[in-house]
Amino acid sequence: MTPTIIKDEIVAMMAKIEDDRVVGLYPKIKDVPFPDDAPDMHWVDVTDLPDVAVGWILEEDGGFAPPAPPSLDERREELLDAVRVERRRRLDAGIEFDGKHYATDLRGQSNINFAGLQLLFDANAAVFLSTVEGEIVELNSDSFIGLMAALVEYRAALERAAEEHKRDIRASDQPEHYDFRSGWPPSLLDDEDEYEAKR
């Protein structure tokens, strides 16, 4: 059972410092020793400095200063990373083909690739793929080629949308106001509730 800390037992507020930057703020409890400093870490009493927050910089004179605001390039890069994540998220969400929802994450694509290898050795073979809902679907070579064509087109559309977003972000002077979640090709993620229900 975790003991209850009474406000009167807090005797100081301590800042955990690593590489001259505040990485945490912790109350010092009366009669409870603080942990020993690690080689790259130490503690500073900031009880009388209520504005100090995580991320602030410990200066040479012992004072604290807020971190410099991110540069325009840094703000753009943050959004570019978000676009990369969104593209991957939409690719991993799967693709709908012939009324079935096929997984396209790393495992799903591995299964699709294996089915393609089977058809490479025997074009008349039937292959079996599992849908996201767990249904086993039999595909002949024509159906499989159709699935692959849909997947290739979907991936190409995602790449085109991602490049358009990146171009607009690089040209923007206020990237933090840019809406990178719109402008993508239709996806199963467009209805989050239905998508989650299928998983």
C-alpha atoms as a PDB file:
ATOM      1  CA  MET A   1       0.000   0.000   0.000  1.00  0.00           C
ATOM      2  CA  THR A   2       1.414   3.398  -1.008  1.00  0.00           C
ATOM      3  CA  PRO A   3       1.690   5.761   1.980  1.00  0.00           C
ATOM      4  CA  THR A   4      -0.235   9.037   1.802  1.00  0.00           C
ATOM      5  CA  ILE A   5       1.995  12.105   1.601  1.00  0.00           C
ATOM      6  CA  ILE A   6       0.797  14.930   3.823  1.00  0.00           C
ATOM      7  CA  LYS A   7       1.486  18.400   2.437  1.00  0.00           C
ATOM      8  CA  ASP A   8       3.333  19.443   5.608  1.00  0.00           C
ATOM      9  CA  GLU A   9       5.820  16.603   5.016  1.00  0.00           C
ATOM     10  CA  ILE A  10       7.052  18.202   1.765  1.00  0.00           C
ATOM     11  CA  VAL A  11      10.062  20.305   2.706  1.00  0.00           C
ATOM     12  CA  ALA A  12      11.335  21.225  -0.770  1.00  0.00           C
ATOM     13  CA  MET A  13      10.765  20.851  -4.474  1.00  0.00           C
ATOM     14  CA  MET A  14      13.760  19.368  -6.246  1.00  0.00           C
ATOM     15  CA  ALA A  15      14.632  19.523  -9.934  1.00  0.00           C
ATOM     16  CA  LYS A  16      16.367  16.540 -11.460  1.00  0.00           C
ATOM     17  CA  ILE A  17      19.074  17.812 -13.809  1.00  0.00           C
ATOM     18  CA  GLU A  18      20.635  15.907 -16.682  1.00  0.00           C
ATOM     19  CA  ASP A  19      22.927  17.616 -19.207  1.00  0.00           C
ATOM     20  CA  ASP A  20      22.015  21.012 -17.718  1.00  0.00           C
ATOM     21  CA  ARG A  21      18.322  20.443 -18.402  1.00  0.00           C
ATOM     22  CA  VAL A  22      15.431  19.830 -16.015  1.00  0.00           C
ATOM     23  CA  VAL A  23      14.110  16.326 -16.693  1.00  0.00           C
ATOM     24  CA  GLY A  24      11.836  15.994 -13.666  1.00  0.00           C
ATOM     25  CA  LEU A  25      10.423  17.766 -10.614  1.00  0.00           C
ATOM     26  CA  TYR A  26       9.998  15.866  -7.346  1.00  0.00           C
ATOM     27  CA  PRO A  27       8.936  16.778  -3.814  1.00  0.00           C
ATOM     28  CA  LYS A  28      11.479  16.199  -1.060  1.00  0.00           C
ATOM     29  CA  ILE A  29       9.772  14.538   1.880  1.00  0.00           C
ATOM     30  CA  LYS A  30      10.906  15.208   5.431  1.00  0.00           C
ATOM     31  CA  ASP A  31      13.244  12.543   6.794  1.00  0.00           C
ATOM     32  CA  VAL A  32      13.308  10.694   3.454  1.00  0.00           C
ATOM     33  CA  PRO A  33      16.767  10.790   1.819  1.00  0.00           C
ATOM     34  CA  PHE A  34      17.015  11.661  -1.852  1.00  0.00           C
ATOM     35  CA  PRO A  35      18.796   9.144  -4.112  1.00  0.00           C
ATOM     36  CA  ASP A  36      22.523   9.581  -4.665  1.00  0.00           C
ATOM     37  CA  ASP A  37      23.479  11.548  -7.738  1.00  0.00           C
ATOM     38  CA  ALA A  38      24.373   9.534 -10.783  1.00  0.00           C
ATOM     39  CA  PRO A  39      27.490  10.725 -12.667  1.00  0.00           C
ATOM     40  CA  ASP A  40      25.407  12.612 -15.244  1.00  0.00           C
ATOM     41  CA  MET A  41      22.643  13.739 -12.900  1.00  0.00           C
ATOM     42  CA  HIS A  42      22.190  15.990  -9.901  1.00  0.00           C
ATOM     43  CA  TRP A  43      19.453  17.714  -7.940  1.00  0.00           C
ATOM     44  CA  VAL A  44      18.722  21.417  -7.464  1.00  0.00           C
ATOM     45  CA  ASP A  45      16.346  22.911  -4.926  1.00  0.00           C
ATOM     46  CA  VAL A  46      13.748  24.949  -6.856  1.00  0.00           C
ATOM     47  CA  THR A  47      11.283  25.481  -4.020  1.00  0.00           C
ATOM     48  CA  ASP A  48      11.465  29.253  -4.482  1.00  0.00           C
ATOM     49  CA  LEU A  49      11.290  29.003  -8.279  1.00  0.00           C
ATOM     50  CA  PRO A  50       7.712  27.885  -8.966  1.00  0.00           C
ATOM     51  CA  ASP A  51       7.912  28.686 -12.703  1.00  0.00           C
ATOM     52  CA  VAL A  52      10.681  26.181 -13.380  1.00  0.00           C
ATOM     53  CA  ALA A  53       9.370  23.305 -15.503  1.00  0.00           C
ATOM     54  CA  VAL A  54      10.627  20.222 -17.244  1.00  0.00           C
ATOM     55  CA  GLY A  55      12.775  21.257 -20.196  1.00  0.00           C
ATOM     56  CA  TRP A  56      14.147  24.421 -18.596  1.00  0.00           C
ATOM     57  CA  ILE A  57      17.901  25.028 -18.831  1.00  0.00           C
ATOM     58  CA  LEU A  58      20.257  25.323 -15.857  1.00  0.00           C
ATOM     59  CA  GLU A  59      22.563  28.234 -16.662  1.00  0.00           C
ATOM     60  CA  GLU A  60      26.163  28.738 -15.576  1.00  0.00           C
ATOM     61  CA  ASP A  61      25.195  31.289 -12.906  1.00  0.00           C
ATOM     62  CA  GLY A  62      22.861  28.754 -11.277  1.00  0.00           C
ATOM     63  CA  GLY A  63      19.693  30.325 -12.613  1.00  0.00           C
ATOM     64  CA  PHE A  64      17.122  28.731 -14.874  1.00  0.00           C
ATOM     65  CA  ALA A  65      15.828  29.798 -18.263  1.00  0.00           C
ATOM     66  CA  PRO A  66      13.031  28.387 -20.414  1.00  0.00           C
ATOM     67  CA  PRO A  67      14.185  26.509 -23.491  1.00  0.00           C
ATOM     68  CA  ALA A  68      14.489  28.478 -26.694  1.00  0.00           C
ATOM     69  CA  PRO A  69      11.437  28.080 -28.912  1.00  0.00           C
ATOM     70  CA  PRO A  70      11.958  25.586 -31.720  1.00  0.00           C
ATOM     71  CA  SER A  71      13.206  27.036 -34.968  1.00  0.00           C
ATOM     72  CA  LEU A  72      11.102  27.074 -38.130  1.00  0.00           C
ATOM     73  CA  ASP A  73      13.107  24.136 -39.492  1.00  0.00           C
ATOM     74  CA  GLU A  74      12.539  22.184 -36.264  1.00  0.00           C
ATOM     75  CA  ARG A  75       8.796  22.888 -36.351  1.00  0.00           C
ATOM     76  CA  ARG A  76       8.651  21.782 -39.965  1.00  0.00           C
ATOM     77  CA  GLU A  77      10.594  18.606 -39.192  1.00  0.00           C
ATOM     78  CA  GLU A  78       8.164  17.737 -36.402  1.00  0.00           C
ATOM     79  CA  LEU A  79       5.284  17.881 -38.894  1.00  0.00           C
ATOM     80  CA  LEU A  80       7.251  15.961 -41.518  1.00  0.00           C
ATOM     81  CA  ASP A  81       7.737  13.182 -38.959  1.00  0.00           C
ATOM     82  CA  ALA A  82       4.000  13.244 -38.255  1.00  0.00           C
ATOM     83  CA  VAL A  83       3.295  12.810 -41.977  1.00  0.00           C
ATOM     84  CA  ARG A  84       5.611   9.788 -42.111  1.00  0.00           C
ATOM     85  CA  VAL A  85       3.816   8.249 -39.132  1.00  0.00           C
ATOM     86  CA  GLU A  86       0.385   8.932 -40.648  1.00  0.00           C
ATOM     87  CA  ARG A  87       1.386   7.377 -43.973  1.00  0.00           C
ATOM     88  CA  ARG A  88       2.607   4.248 -42.170  1.00  0.00           C
ATOM     89  CA  ARG A  89      -0.524   4.141 -40.011  1.00  0.00           C
ATOM     90  CA  ARG A  90      -2.769   4.257 -43.071  1.00  0.00           C
ATOM     91  CA  LEU A  91      -0.719   1.649 -44.885  1.00  0.00           C
ATOM     92  CA  ASP A  92      -0.853  -0.684 -41.883  1.00  0.00           C
ATOM     93  CA  ALA A  93      -4.624  -0.240 -41.552  1.00  0.00           C
ATOM     94  CA  GLY A  94      -5.298  -2.641 -44.412  1.00  0.00           C
ATOM     95  CA  ILE A  95      -7.025  -2.543 -47.749  1.00  0.00           C
ATOM     96  CA  GLU A  96     -10.524  -3.473 -48.806  1.00  0.00           C
ATOM     97  CA  PHE A  97     -10.751  -5.638 -51.922  1.00  0.00           C
ATOM     98  CA  ASP A  98     -13.788  -7.438 -53.281  1.00  0.00           C
ATOM     99  CA  GLY A  99     -15.657  -6.716 -50.061  1.00  0.00           C
ATOM    100  CA  LYS A 100     -12.941  -8.160 -47.807  1.00  0.00           C
ATOM    101  CA  HIS A 101     -10.563  -6.355 -45.459  1.00  0.00           C
ATOM    102  CA  TYR A 102      -6.991  -7.627 -45.835  1.00  0.00           C
ATOM    103  CA  ALA A 103      -4.213  -6.750 -43.403  1.00  0.00           C
ATOM    104  CA  THR A 104      -1.337  -4.744 -44.883  1.00  0.00           C
ATOM    105  CA  ASP A 105       0.881  -4.296 -41.851  1.00  0.00           C
ATOM    106  CA  LEU A 106       4.253  -6.066 -41.853  1.00  0.00           C
ATOM    107  CA  ARG A 107       2.700  -9.444 -41.007  1.00  0.00           C
ATOM    108  CA  GLY A 108      -0.126  -8.987 -43.500  1.00  0.00           C
ATOM    109  CA  GLN A 109       2.247  -8.025 -46.303  1.00  0.00           C
ATOM    110  CA  SER A 110       4.427 -11.018 -45.464  1.00  0.00           C
ATOM    111  CA  ASN A 111       1.405 -13.295 -45.892  1.00  0.00           C
ATOM    112  CA  ILE A 112       0.537 -11.629 -49.203  1.00  0.00           C
ATOM    113  CA  ASN A 113       4.129 -12.017 -50.424  1.00  0.00           C
ATOM    114  CA  PHE A 114       4.110 -15.714 -49.508  1.00  0.00           C
ATOM    115  CA  ALA A 115       0.874 -16.212 -51.429  1.00  0.00           C
ATOM    116  CA  GLY A 116       2.515 -14.541 -54.416  1.00  0.00           C
ATOM    117  CA  LEU A 117       5.439 -16.963 -54.224  1.00  0.00           C
ATOM    118  CA  GLN A 118       3.032 -19.875 -54.272  1.00  0.00           C
ATOM    119  CA  LEU A 119       1.452 -18.569 -57.481  1.00  0.00           C
ATOM    120  CA  LEU A 120       4.869 -17.920 -58.961  1.00  0.00           C
ATOM    121  CA  PHE A 121       5.594 -21.656 -58.802  1.00  0.00           C
ATOM    122  CA  ASP A 122       2.092 -22.731 -59.818  1.00  0.00           C
ATOM    123  CA  ALA A 123      -0.098 -20.164 -61.571  1.00  0.00           C
ATOM    124  CA  ASN A 124      -3.088 -22.498 -61.310  1.00  0.00           C
ATOM    125  CA  ALA A 125      -2.832 -22.901 -57.556  1.00  0.00           C
ATOM    126  CA  ALA A 126      -5.353 -21.455 -55.142  1.00  0.00           C
ATOM    127  CA  VAL A 127      -3.947 -19.415 -52.264  1.00  0.00           C
ATOM    128  CA  PHE A 128      -5.537 -18.613 -48.954  1.00  0.00           C
ATOM    129  CA  LEU A 129      -5.356 -15.304 -47.104  1.00  0.00           C
ATOM    130  CA  SER A 130      -6.829 -14.361 -43.762  1.00  0.00           C
ATOM    131  CA  THR A 131      -8.861 -11.171 -43.457  1.00  0.00           C
ATOM    132  CA  VAL A 132      -8.568  -8.824 -40.503  1.00  0.00           C
ATOM    133  CA  GLU A 133     -11.787 -10.339 -39.161  1.00  0.00           C
ATOM    134  CA  GLY A 134     -10.216 -13.809 -39.230  1.00  0.00           C
ATOM    135  CA  GLU A 135     -12.044 -15.170 -42.287  1.00  0.00           C
ATOM    136  CA  ILE A 136      -9.988 -17.449 -44.559  1.00  0.00           C
ATOM    137  CA  VAL A 137     -10.465 -16.423 -48.198  1.00  0.00           C
ATOM    138  CA  GLU A 138      -9.484 -18.537 -51.201  1.00  0.00           C
ATOM    139  CA  LEU A 139      -8.041 -16.572 -54.114  1.00  0.00           C
ATOM    140  CA  ASN A 140      -7.174 -17.776 -57.609  1.00  0.00           C
ATOM    141  CA  SER A 141      -4.432 -16.107 -59.626  1.00  0.00           C
ATOM    142  CA  ASP A 142      -6.769 -13.537 -61.206  1.00  0.00           C
ATOM    143  CA  SER A 143      -8.194 -12.510 -57.818  1.00  0.00           C
ATOM    144  CA  PHE A 144      -4.739 -12.310 -56.304  1.00  0.00           C
ATOM    145  CA  ILE A 145      -3.473 -10.129 -59.143  1.00  0.00           C
ATOM    146  CA  GLY A 146      -6.466  -7.865 -58.586  1.00  0.00           C
ATOM    147  CA  LEU A 147      -5.642  -7.623 -54.883  1.00  0.00           C
ATOM    148  CA  MET A 148      -2.008  -6.789 -55.645  1.00  0.00           C
ATOM    149  CA  ALA A 149      -3.024  -4.148 -58.189  1.00  0.00           C
ATOM    150  CA  ALA A 150      -5.315  -2.515 -55.621  1.00  0.00           C
ATOM    151  CA  LEU A 151      -2.561  -2.598 -53.010  1.00  0.00           C
ATOM    152  CA  VAL A 152       0.025  -1.109 -55.387  1.00  0.00           C
ATOM    153  CA  GLU A 153      -2.350   1.702 -56.351  1.00  0.00           C
ATOM    154  CA  TYR A 154      -3.214   2.385 -52.718  1.00  0.00           C
ATOM    155  CA  ARG A 155       0.453   2.575 -51.727  1.00  0.00           C
ATOM    156  CA  ALA A 156       1.179   4.871 -54.663  1.00  0.00           C
ATOM    157  CA  ALA A 157      -1.711   7.142 -53.657  1.00  0.00           C
ATOM    158  CA  LEU A 158      -0.380   7.261 -50.095  1.00  0.00           C
ATOM    159  CA  GLU A 159       3.068   8.217 -51.375  1.00  0.00           C
ATOM    160  CA  ARG A 160       1.625  10.974 -53.570  1.00  0.00           C
ATOM    161  CA  ALA A 161      -0.395  12.384 -50.670  1.00  0.00           C
ATOM    162  CA  ALA A 162       2.594  12.219 -48.326  1.00  0.00           C
ATOM    163  CA  GLU A 163       4.821  14.059 -50.811  1.00  0.00           C
ATOM    164  CA  GLU A 164       2.177  16.754 -51.277  1.00  0.00           C
ATOM    165  CA  HIS A 165       1.942  17.214 -47.512  1.00  0.00           C
ATOM    166  CA  LYS A 166       5.739  17.396 -47.201  1.00  0.00           C
ATOM    167  CA  ARG A 167       5.942  19.969 -49.996  1.00  0.00           C
ATOM    168  CA  ASP A 168       3.304  22.168 -48.358  1.00  0.00           C
ATOM    169  CA  ILE A 169       4.911  21.853 -44.914  1.00  0.00           C
ATOM    170  CA  ARG A 170       8.341  22.824 -46.243  1.00  0.00           C
ATOM    171  CA  ALA A 171       6.760  25.915 -47.819  1.00  0.00           C
ATOM    172  CA  SER A 172       4.791  26.895 -44.708  1.00  0.00           C
ATOM    173  CA  ASP A 173       5.902  29.583 -42.277  1.00  0.00           C
ATOM    174  CA  GLN A 174       3.427  28.278 -39.678  1.00  0.00           C
ATOM    175  CA  PRO A 175       3.665  24.489 -39.951  1.00  0.00           C
ATOM    176  CA  GLU A 176       2.066  24.000 -36.515  1.00  0.00           C
ATOM    177  CA  HIS A 177      -1.249  25.126 -38.057  1.00  0.00           C
ATOM    178  CA  TYR A 178      -1.001  22.743 -41.003  1.00  0.00           C
ATOM    179  CA  ASP A 179      -3.623  19.966 -41.177  1.00  0.00           C
ATOM    180  CA  PHE A 180      -1.719  16.837 -42.199  1.00  0.00           C
ATOM    181  CA  ARG A 181      -4.604  14.470 -41.380  1.00  0.00           C
ATOM    182  CA  SER A 182      -6.678  15.474 -44.399  1.00  0.00           C
ATOM    183  CA  GLY A 183      -5.912  14.982 -48.068  1.00  0.00           C
ATOM    184  CA  TRP A 184      -5.191  11.248 -47.937  1.00  0.00           C
ATOM    185  CA  PRO A 185      -6.765   8.622 -50.223  1.00  0.00           C
ATOM    186  CA  PRO A 186      -9.884   6.902 -48.838  1.00  0.00           C
ATOM    187  CA  SER A 187      -8.939   4.511 -46.059  1.00  0.00           C
ATOM    188  CA  LEU A 188     -10.512   2.102 -43.634  1.00  0.00           C
ATOM    189  CA  LEU A 189      -9.322   4.542 -40.981  1.00  0.00           C
ATOM    190  CA  ASP A 190     -11.828   7.126 -42.211  1.00  0.00           C
ATOM    191  CA  ASP A 191     -14.377   5.373 -39.980  1.00  0.00           C
ATOM    192  CA  GLU A 192     -12.360   4.718 -36.816  1.00  0.00           C
ATOM    193  CA  ASP A 193     -15.261   3.017 -35.012  1.00  0.00           C
ATOM    194  CA  GLU A 194     -15.833   0.524 -37.825  1.00  0.00           C
ATOM    195  CA  TYR A 195     -12.105  -0.070 -38.164  1.00  0.00           C
ATOM    196  CA  GLU A 196     -11.708  -0.850 -34.451  1.00  0.00           C
ATOM    197  CA  ALA A 197     -14.758  -3.122 -34.525  1.00  0.00           C
ATOM    198  CA  LYS A 198     -13.162  -5.231 -37.271  1.00  0.00           C
ATOM    199  CA  ARG A 199      -9.903  -5.749 -35.406  1.00  0.00           C
END
